[in-house]
């Protein structure tokens, strides 16, 4: 008997799948923006946003490490 979708155990997404899902979600949101007419407009914007997010995350990690060492951030 075939198992339904609810019966299957969902395996956690890999990092690649998570990144792909995140990018697809961001592209879907950006498609709704009237100022961005095509992928040539959206790709540089998406790359820049991802870079800024990465930079922010790295700054937070470094601030947490400094706090654990008892240093000023």
Protein backbone atom coordinates (compact mmCIF):
# COMPACT_ATOMS: atom_id res chain seq x y z
CA UNK A 1 0.00 0.00 0.00
CA UNK A 2 1.48 3.40 -0.96
CA UNK A 3 2.31 5.68 1.88
CA UNK A 4 0.87 9.18 1.92
CA UNK A 5 2.92 12.32 2.22
CA UNK A 6 1.97 12.65 5.89
CA UNK A 7 3.28 9.13 6.60
CA UNK A 8 6.77 9.80 5.22
CA UNK A 9 9.49 11.02 7.51
CA UNK A 10 10.97 14.27 6.24
CA UNK A 11 14.75 14.20 6.30
CA UNK A 12 16.39 17.49 7.25
CA UNK A 13 17.48 19.64 4.34
CA UNK A 14 21.15 19.77 3.48
CA UNK A 15 22.97 23.09 3.54
CA UNK A 16 22.76 23.24 -0.25
CA UNK A 17 19.00 22.64 -0.16
CA UNK A 18 18.56 25.28 2.55
CA UNK A 19 20.55 27.82 0.54
CA UNK A 20 18.60 26.99 -2.62
CA UNK A 21 15.32 27.41 -0.77
CA UNK A 22 16.45 30.72 0.71
CA UNK A 23 17.55 32.07 -2.68
CA UNK A 24 14.30 30.95 -4.32
CA UNK A 25 12.30 32.67 -1.60
CA UNK A 26 14.31 35.88 -1.96
CA UNK A 27 13.93 35.82 -5.76
CA UNK A 28 10.17 35.33 -5.43
CA UNK A 29 9.97 38.36 -3.15
CA UNK A 30 12.18 40.44 -5.43
CA UNK A 31 10.04 39.56 -8.48
CA UNK A 32 7.20 41.50 -6.84
CA UNK A 33 9.31 44.69 -6.71
CA UNK A 34 8.32 47.00 -9.57
CA UNK A 35 11.80 48.59 -9.69
CA UNK A 36 13.55 45.32 -10.50
CA UNK A 37 12.53 44.26 -13.99
CA UNK A 38 14.61 41.16 -14.59
CA UNK A 39 17.25 38.77 -13.33
CA UNK A 40 19.97 41.16 -14.49
CA UNK A 41 18.60 43.69 -11.98
CA UNK A 42 17.85 41.18 -9.24
CA UNK A 43 21.08 39.15 -9.25
CA UNK A 44 23.45 41.97 -8.20
CA UNK A 45 20.93 43.09 -5.57
CA UNK A 46 20.57 39.55 -4.21
CA UNK A 47 24.36 39.08 -4.14
CA UNK A 48 24.82 42.35 -2.25
CA UNK A 49 22.11 41.50 0.30
CA UNK A 50 23.65 38.06 0.88
CA UNK A 51 27.10 39.62 1.35
CA UNK A 52 25.74 42.13 3.89
CA UNK A 53 23.93 39.35 5.78
CA UNK A 54 27.11 37.26 5.88
CA UNK A 55 29.11 40.26 7.13
CA UNK A 56 26.53 41.00 9.83
CA UNK A 57 26.58 37.36 11.00
CA UNK A 58 30.39 37.38 11.16
CA UNK A 59 30.35 40.58 13.22
CA UNK A 60 27.87 39.02 15.67
CA UNK A 61 30.02 35.89 15.99
CA UNK A 62 33.12 37.97 16.68
CA UNK A 63 31.24 40.10 19.23
CA UNK A 64 30.08 36.93 21.01
CA UNK A 65 33.62 35.54 21.05
CA UNK A 66 34.99 38.81 22.43
CA UNK A 67 32.32 38.81 25.14
CA UNK A 68 33.22 35.24 26.12
CA UNK A 69 36.90 36.28 26.38
CA UNK A 70 35.90 39.27 28.49
CA UNK A 71 37.02 41.77 25.87
CA UNK A 72 35.21 44.84 24.61
CA UNK A 73 33.46 44.14 21.31
